[in-house]
Amino acid sequence: MGMSAAAAPGRPVSAINVTPMIDVLLVLLIIFMVVQAGLQRGVRVQVPPTDPSPAVQRSTDLVLEVLPGPAFRLNSQPVPAARLRATLARVYAGRPRKVLFVKGADGVPYSAVVSAVDVGRAAGVEVVGLVPRQAPER
């Protein structure tokens, strides 16, 4: 049998019943977990292999260099900024593999590299790779 720990019969019990509060907290926890799973977003990224040997560039790969100014070079050939989209669209028109590597020079703002990637995507490039800077030799 159970026994009450009240001081006197008929007096209010001063203990807090925490069972409803725990129920509310568990429901809120479940709601937050479901909402958090729905908010998961990400960017699909292709990470280069961790092989330390220098990558051999194939003759079919195109590298777009973003220089200060903004100025651009496509496989070491200068391209005017006003004609960049048209040049990329013409180059990629007959290619089955539409991959572009973008390389930013030192001192070029991040926004210039992002706009070059956007121009490449608008010209029909399907996969854009960013070329990392070479680590300084010690």
N, C-alpha and C. Protein backbone atom coordinates (compact mmCIF):
# COMPACT_ATOMS: atom_id res chain seq x y z
N MET A 1 0.81 -1.16 0.00
CA MET A 1 0.00 0.00 0.00
C MET A 1 0.87 1.24 0.00
N GLY A 2 0.33 2.30 -0.62
CA GLY A 2 1.07 3.54 -0.66
C GLY A 2 0.68 4.45 0.48
N MET A 3 1.60 5.30 0.83
CA MET A 3 1.33 6.20 1.94
C MET A 3 1.69 7.62 1.52
N SER A 4 0.87 8.58 1.84
CA SER A 4 1.10 9.97 1.50
C SER A 4 2.00 10.60 2.54
N ALA A 5 2.85 11.50 2.07
CA ALA A 5 3.76 12.17 2.99
C ALA A 5 3.28 13.56 3.34
N ALA A 6 1.97 13.82 3.18
CA ALA A 6 1.44 15.14 3.49
C ALA A 6 1.51 15.39 4.99
N ALA A 7 1.67 16.64 5.35
CA ALA A 7 1.80 16.99 6.77
C ALA A 7 0.51 16.75 7.52
N ALA A 8 -0.58 17.19 6.97
CA ALA A 8 -1.86 17.02 7.65
C ALA A 8 -2.94 16.78 6.61
N PRO A 9 -3.97 16.03 6.96
CA PRO A 9 -5.02 15.79 5.99
C PRO A 9 -5.75 17.09 5.66
N GLY A 10 -6.04 17.30 4.38
CA GLY A 10 -6.77 18.47 3.95
C GLY A 10 -5.88 19.66 3.61
N ARG A 11 -4.61 19.61 3.91
CA ARG A 11 -3.70 20.71 3.56
C ARG A 11 -3.12 20.48 2.17
N PRO A 12 -2.84 21.54 1.44
CA PRO A 12 -2.27 21.37 0.10
C PRO A 12 -0.86 20.78 0.16
N VAL A 13 -0.53 20.00 -0.86
CA VAL A 13 0.80 19.38 -0.97
C VAL A 13 1.72 20.39 -1.66
N SER A 14 2.86 20.64 -1.09
CA SER A 14 3.76 21.64 -1.64
C SER A 14 4.79 21.05 -2.62
N ALA A 15 4.71 19.78 -2.96
CA ALA A 15 5.64 19.17 -3.91
C ALA A 15 5.15 19.43 -5.34
N ILE A 16 6.10 19.69 -6.25
CA ILE A 16 5.77 19.96 -7.64
C ILE A 16 5.70 18.64 -8.40
N ASN A 17 4.65 18.47 -9.16
CA ASN A 17 4.51 17.28 -9.99
C ASN A 17 5.25 17.54 -11.30
N VAL A 18 6.39 16.87 -11.51
CA VAL A 18 7.24 17.12 -12.67
C VAL A 18 6.91 16.22 -13.86
N THR A 19 6.01 15.27 -13.71
CA THR A 19 5.67 14.37 -14.81
C THR A 19 5.12 15.12 -16.03
N PRO A 20 4.17 16.07 -15.90
CA PRO A 20 3.71 16.80 -17.09
C PRO A 20 4.82 17.64 -17.71
N MET A 21 5.73 18.17 -16.88
CA MET A 21 6.81 18.98 -17.43
C MET A 21 7.77 18.12 -18.25
N ILE A 22 8.04 16.92 -17.81
CA ILE A 22 8.92 16.01 -18.54
C ILE A 22 8.25 15.59 -19.85
N ASP A 23 6.94 15.37 -19.82
CA ASP A 23 6.22 15.03 -21.05
C ASP A 23 6.33 16.15 -22.08
N VAL A 24 6.16 17.38 -21.64
CA VAL A 24 6.27 18.52 -22.55
C VAL A 24 7.69 18.63 -23.10
N LEU A 25 8.68 18.44 -22.27
CA LEU A 25 10.07 18.52 -22.73
C LEU A 25 10.39 17.43 -23.76
N LEU A 26 9.88 16.22 -23.54
CA LEU A 26 10.12 15.15 -24.51
C LEU A 26 9.44 15.44 -25.85
N VAL A 27 8.24 15.99 -25.81
CA VAL A 27 7.56 16.35 -27.06
C VAL A 27 8.34 17.44 -27.78
N LEU A 28 8.82 18.45 -27.04
CA LEU A 28 9.62 19.51 -27.67
C LEU A 28 10.91 18.96 -28.25
N LEU A 29 11.55 18.02 -27.57
CA LEU A 29 12.77 17.41 -28.07
C LEU A 29 12.51 16.69 -29.39
N ILE A 30 11.44 15.95 -29.46
CA ILE A 30 11.09 15.24 -30.70
C ILE A 30 10.80 16.23 -31.82
N ILE A 31 10.07 17.30 -31.51
CA ILE A 31 9.77 18.31 -32.54
C ILE A 31 11.06 18.95 -33.06
N PHE A 32 11.97 19.32 -32.16
CA PHE A 32 13.22 19.93 -32.60
C PHE A 32 14.07 18.97 -33.42
N MET A 33 14.06 17.69 -33.07
CA MET A 33 14.83 16.71 -33.84
C MET A 33 14.27 16.57 -35.25
N VAL A 34 12.96 16.55 -35.39
CA VAL A 34 12.34 16.42 -36.71
C VAL A 34 12.59 17.67 -37.55
N VAL A 35 12.46 18.84 -36.93
CA VAL A 35 12.69 20.09 -37.65
C VAL A 35 14.15 20.19 -38.08
N GLN A 36 15.08 19.84 -37.22
CA GLN A 36 16.50 19.91 -37.55
C GLN A 36 16.84 18.99 -38.72
N ALA A 37 16.26 17.82 -38.76
CA ALA A 37 16.52 16.89 -39.87
C ALA A 37 16.00 17.47 -41.18
N GLY A 38 14.92 18.23 -41.13
CA GLY A 38 14.37 18.84 -42.34
C GLY A 38 15.16 20.04 -42.81
N LEU A 39 15.95 20.66 -41.93
CA LEU A 39 16.72 21.84 -42.30
C LEU A 39 18.10 21.52 -42.84
N GLN A 40 18.47 20.27 -42.87
CA GLN A 40 19.79 19.89 -43.34
C GLN A 40 19.93 20.22 -44.82
N ARG A 41 20.86 21.06 -45.12
CA ARG A 41 21.16 21.41 -46.51
C ARG A 41 22.65 21.37 -46.69
N GLY A 42 23.06 21.21 -47.92
CA GLY A 42 24.49 21.17 -48.16
C GLY A 42 24.80 21.45 -49.61
N VAL A 43 26.06 21.54 -49.90
CA VAL A 43 26.55 21.75 -51.24
C VAL A 43 27.29 20.49 -51.66
N ARG A 44 26.95 19.99 -52.83
CA ARG A 44 27.66 18.81 -53.31
C ARG A 44 29.05 19.22 -53.78
N VAL A 45 30.04 18.56 -53.25
CA VAL A 45 31.42 18.90 -53.52
C VAL A 45 32.16 17.64 -53.93
N GLN A 46 33.01 17.77 -54.92
CA GLN A 46 33.89 16.68 -55.29
C GLN A 46 35.27 17.00 -54.73
N VAL A 47 35.74 16.16 -53.86
CA VAL A 47 37.02 16.38 -53.21
C VAL A 47 38.10 15.66 -54.00
N PRO A 48 39.24 16.34 -54.25
CA PRO A 48 40.31 15.67 -54.99
C PRO A 48 40.94 14.56 -54.16
N PRO A 49 41.57 13.61 -54.81
CA PRO A 49 42.21 12.53 -54.06
C PRO A 49 43.34 13.07 -53.20
N THR A 50 43.66 12.33 -52.15
CA THR A 50 44.70 12.78 -51.22
C THR A 50 46.10 12.39 -51.68
N ASP A 51 46.24 11.92 -52.88
CA ASP A 51 47.55 11.53 -53.42
C ASP A 51 48.44 12.77 -53.50
N PRO A 52 49.60 12.76 -52.83
CA PRO A 52 50.44 13.96 -52.82
C PRO A 52 51.17 14.23 -54.13
N SER A 53 51.17 13.26 -55.06
CA SER A 53 51.86 13.49 -56.33
C SER A 53 51.12 14.54 -57.14
N PRO A 54 51.83 15.37 -57.90
CA PRO A 54 51.16 16.41 -58.68
C PRO A 54 50.27 15.79 -59.75
N ALA A 55 49.11 16.36 -59.90
CA ALA A 55 48.15 15.86 -60.89
C ALA A 55 48.61 16.23 -62.29
N VAL A 56 48.52 15.28 -63.18
CA VAL A 56 48.89 15.52 -64.57
C VAL A 56 47.67 16.04 -65.29
N GLN A 57 47.81 17.23 -65.85
CA GLN A 57 46.67 17.86 -66.53
C GLN A 57 46.51 17.22 -67.90
N ARG A 58 45.28 16.80 -68.19
CA ARG A 58 44.99 16.24 -69.49
C ARG A 58 44.84 17.36 -70.50
N SER A 59 45.07 17.07 -71.77
CA SER A 59 45.01 18.12 -72.79
C SER A 59 43.58 18.61 -73.01
N THR A 60 42.57 17.84 -72.59
CA THR A 60 41.20 18.26 -72.81
C THR A 60 40.65 19.11 -71.68
N ASP A 61 41.37 19.19 -70.55
CA ASP A 61 40.89 19.97 -69.42
C ASP A 61 41.13 21.45 -69.67
N LEU A 62 40.15 22.26 -69.25
CA LEU A 62 40.26 23.71 -69.39
C LEU A 62 40.43 24.33 -68.02
N VAL A 63 41.38 25.24 -67.91
CA VAL A 63 41.64 25.94 -66.66
C VAL A 63 41.39 27.42 -66.90
N LEU A 64 40.48 27.98 -66.12
CA LEU A 64 40.17 29.41 -66.20
C LEU A 64 40.88 30.09 -65.04
N GLU A 65 41.82 30.95 -65.37
CA GLU A 65 42.55 31.69 -64.34
C GLU A 65 41.88 33.04 -64.14
N VAL A 66 41.60 33.37 -62.90
CA VAL A 66 41.02 34.67 -62.55
C VAL A 66 42.15 35.54 -62.04
N LEU A 67 42.41 36.63 -62.76
CA LEU A 67 43.51 37.53 -62.43
C LEU A 67 42.94 38.84 -61.88
N PRO A 68 43.76 39.62 -61.19
CA PRO A 68 43.27 40.91 -60.69
C PRO A 68 42.83 41.80 -61.84
N GLY A 69 41.81 42.55 -61.62
CA GLY A 69 41.40 43.51 -62.63
C GLY A 69 39.93 43.64 -62.88
N PRO A 70 39.09 42.75 -63.10
CA PRO A 70 39.29 41.32 -63.32
C PRO A 70 39.71 41.02 -64.76
N ALA A 71 40.65 40.15 -64.87
CA ALA A 71 41.11 39.66 -66.17
C ALA A 71 41.08 38.14 -66.11
N PHE A 72 40.95 37.52 -67.27
CA PHE A 72 40.82 36.06 -67.31
C PHE A 72 41.75 35.48 -68.35
N ARG A 73 42.20 34.26 -68.08
CA ARG A 73 42.98 33.48 -69.06
C ARG A 73 42.38 32.08 -69.09
N LEU A 74 42.10 31.61 -70.28
CA LEU A 74 41.58 30.26 -70.49
C LEU A 74 42.69 29.44 -71.11
N ASN A 75 43.26 28.53 -70.34
CA ASN A 75 44.43 27.75 -70.76
C ASN A 75 45.53 28.66 -71.28
N SER A 76 45.86 29.68 -70.50
CA SER A 76 46.93 30.65 -70.75
C SER A 76 46.64 31.61 -71.90
N GLN A 77 45.45 31.58 -72.46
CA GLN A 77 45.07 32.52 -73.52
C GLN A 77 44.21 33.61 -72.90
N PRO A 78 44.57 34.89 -73.07
CA PRO A 78 43.76 35.95 -72.47
C PRO A 78 42.36 36.01 -73.07
N VAL A 79 41.38 36.23 -72.19
CA VAL A 79 39.98 36.34 -72.60
C VAL A 79 39.44 37.62 -71.99
N PRO A 80 38.87 38.53 -72.79
CA PRO A 80 38.29 39.74 -72.21
C PRO A 80 37.10 39.39 -71.31
N ALA A 81 36.92 40.16 -70.25
CA ALA A 81 35.84 39.90 -69.28
C ALA A 81 34.47 39.98 -69.94
N ALA A 82 34.32 40.87 -70.91
CA ALA A 82 33.02 41.03 -71.58
C ALA A 82 32.69 39.84 -72.47
N ARG A 83 33.69 39.12 -72.95
CA ARG A 83 33.47 38.00 -73.87
C ARG A 83 33.64 36.64 -73.19
N LEU A 84 33.76 36.60 -71.86
CA LEU A 84 34.04 35.35 -71.17
C LEU A 84 32.92 34.33 -71.35
N ARG A 85 31.70 34.74 -71.13
CA ARG A 85 30.58 33.79 -71.25
C ARG A 85 30.44 33.26 -72.67
N ALA A 86 30.55 34.13 -73.66
CA ALA A 86 30.43 33.69 -75.05
C ALA A 86 31.58 32.76 -75.43
N THR A 87 32.78 33.06 -74.94
CA THR A 87 33.93 32.20 -75.25
C THR A 87 33.76 30.82 -74.62
N LEU A 88 33.33 30.78 -73.35
CA LEU A 88 33.12 29.49 -72.71
C LEU A 88 32.00 28.70 -73.37
N ALA A 89 30.93 29.37 -73.77
CA ALA A 89 29.82 28.68 -74.43
C ALA A 89 30.27 28.09 -75.76
N ARG A 90 31.10 28.83 -76.49
CA ARG A 90 31.60 28.35 -77.78
C ARG A 90 32.53 27.16 -77.57
N VAL A 91 33.40 27.23 -76.58
CA VAL A 91 34.38 26.15 -76.34
C VAL A 91 33.66 24.87 -75.89
N TYR A 92 32.64 25.01 -75.04
CA TYR A 92 31.96 23.83 -74.50
C TYR A 92 30.80 23.34 -75.37
N ALA A 93 30.53 23.98 -76.47
CA ALA A 93 29.38 23.59 -77.30
C ALA A 93 29.51 22.16 -77.82
N GLY A 94 30.67 21.76 -78.27
CA GLY A 94 30.84 20.43 -78.85
C GLY A 94 31.44 19.41 -77.92
N ARG A 95 31.66 19.75 -76.68
CA ARG A 95 32.31 18.83 -75.74
C ARG A 95 31.29 17.98 -75.00
N PRO A 96 31.53 16.68 -74.93
CA PRO A 96 30.62 15.84 -74.14
C PRO A 96 30.89 15.98 -72.64
N ARG A 97 32.14 16.23 -72.28
CA ARG A 97 32.54 16.36 -70.87
C ARG A 97 32.72 17.84 -70.57
N LYS A 98 31.79 18.42 -69.85
CA LYS A 98 31.80 19.86 -69.58
C LYS A 98 32.33 20.12 -68.18
N VAL A 99 33.67 20.11 -68.07
CA VAL A 99 34.35 20.31 -66.79
C VAL A 99 35.26 21.53 -66.92
N LEU A 100 35.20 22.41 -65.94
CA LEU A 100 36.02 23.62 -65.93
C LEU A 100 36.73 23.71 -64.59
N PHE A 101 38.02 23.99 -64.62
CA PHE A 101 38.80 24.21 -63.42
C PHE A 101 39.05 25.71 -63.29
N VAL A 102 38.76 26.26 -62.13
CA VAL A 102 38.93 27.69 -61.89
C VAL A 102 40.07 27.87 -60.90
N LYS A 103 40.98 28.77 -61.28
CA LYS A 103 42.16 29.03 -60.45
C LYS A 103 42.22 30.53 -60.18
N GLY A 104 42.20 30.90 -58.93
CA GLY A 104 42.28 32.30 -58.55
C GLY A 104 43.70 32.69 -58.23
N ALA A 105 44.13 33.83 -58.76
CA ALA A 105 45.48 34.32 -58.47
C ALA A 105 45.53 34.91 -57.07
N ASP A 106 46.73 35.09 -56.55
CA ASP A 106 46.90 35.70 -55.23
C ASP A 106 46.36 37.13 -55.27
N GLY A 107 45.64 37.51 -54.25
CA GLY A 107 45.13 38.87 -54.16
C GLY A 107 43.81 39.10 -54.85
N VAL A 108 43.27 38.07 -55.50
CA VAL A 108 41.97 38.22 -56.17
C VAL A 108 40.88 38.02 -55.13
N PRO A 109 39.90 38.92 -55.07
CA PRO A 109 38.82 38.73 -54.09
C PRO A 109 38.01 37.47 -54.39
N TYR A 110 37.46 36.92 -53.33
CA TYR A 110 36.66 35.71 -53.44
C TYR A 110 35.46 35.92 -54.36
N SER A 111 34.89 37.12 -54.33
CA SER A 111 33.71 37.40 -55.16
C SER A 111 34.04 37.31 -56.65
N ALA A 112 35.27 37.63 -57.05
CA ALA A 112 35.65 37.52 -58.46
C ALA A 112 35.70 36.06 -58.89
N VAL A 113 36.19 35.18 -58.02
CA VAL A 113 36.24 33.75 -58.34
C VAL A 113 34.81 33.18 -58.41
N VAL A 114 33.96 33.58 -57.49
CA VAL A 114 32.58 33.10 -57.49
C VAL A 114 31.84 33.57 -58.74
N SER A 115 32.05 34.80 -59.15
CA SER A 115 31.38 35.28 -60.36
C SER A 115 31.92 34.56 -61.60
N ALA A 116 33.20 34.19 -61.60
CA ALA A 116 33.74 33.41 -62.72
C ALA A 116 33.10 32.02 -62.77
N VAL A 117 32.89 31.42 -61.61
CA VAL A 117 32.20 30.12 -61.55
C VAL A 117 30.77 30.28 -62.06
N ASP A 118 30.09 31.36 -61.66
CA ASP A 118 28.72 31.60 -62.12
C ASP A 118 28.66 31.78 -63.63
N VAL A 119 29.61 32.49 -64.19
CA VAL A 119 29.65 32.69 -65.65
C VAL A 119 29.88 31.34 -66.34
N GLY A 120 30.74 30.51 -65.77
CA GLY A 120 30.98 29.19 -66.35
C GLY A 120 29.73 28.33 -66.32
N ARG A 121 29.00 28.35 -65.19
CA ARG A 121 27.76 27.57 -65.10
C ARG A 121 26.72 28.09 -66.08
N ALA A 122 26.67 29.42 -66.28
CA ALA A 122 25.72 29.99 -67.24
C ALA A 122 26.09 29.64 -68.67
N ALA A 123 27.38 29.37 -68.92
CA ALA A 123 27.82 29.02 -70.27
C ALA A 123 27.65 27.54 -70.58
N GLY A 124 27.16 26.75 -69.63
CA GLY A 124 26.90 25.34 -69.89
C GLY A 124 27.84 24.37 -69.21
N VAL A 125 28.72 24.84 -68.36
CA VAL A 125 29.64 23.96 -67.64
C VAL A 125 28.84 23.20 -66.59
N GLU A 126 29.04 21.88 -66.55
CA GLU A 126 28.30 21.04 -65.60
C GLU A 126 29.05 20.81 -64.30
N VAL A 127 30.37 20.66 -64.39
CA VAL A 127 31.19 20.40 -63.20
C VAL A 127 32.27 21.47 -63.13
N VAL A 128 32.35 22.13 -61.98
CA VAL A 128 33.36 23.16 -61.76
C VAL A 128 34.28 22.69 -60.65
N GLY A 129 35.57 22.71 -60.93
CA GLY A 129 36.56 22.36 -59.92
C GLY A 129 37.40 23.57 -59.58
N LEU A 130 37.73 23.74 -58.32
CA LEU A 130 38.58 24.84 -57.89
C LEU A 130 39.99 24.31 -57.69
N VAL A 131 40.95 25.00 -58.28
CA VAL A 131 42.35 24.60 -58.19
C VAL A 131 42.93 25.25 -56.94
N PRO A 132 43.44 24.45 -55.99
CA PRO A 132 44.00 25.05 -54.77
C PRO A 132 45.35 25.69 -55.04
N ARG A 133 45.70 26.62 -54.18
CA ARG A 133 47.01 27.26 -54.29
C ARG A 133 48.08 26.27 -53.87
N GLN A 134 49.25 26.43 -54.46
CA GLN A 134 50.37 25.58 -54.08
C GLN A 134 50.91 26.06 -52.74
N ALA A 135 51.23 25.12 -51.88
CA ALA A 135 51.79 25.47 -50.57
C ALA A 135 53.20 26.01 -50.78
N PRO A 136 53.55 27.08 -50.06
CA PRO A 136 54.91 27.61 -50.21
C PRO A 136 55.94 26.60 -49.71
N GLU A 137 57.01 26.50 -50.46
CA GLU A 137 58.07 25.55 -50.08
C GLU A 137 58.90 26.15 -48.97
N ARG A 138 59.31 25.29 -48.05
CA ARG A 138 60.09 25.77 -46.90
C ARG A 138 61.52 25.41 -47.05
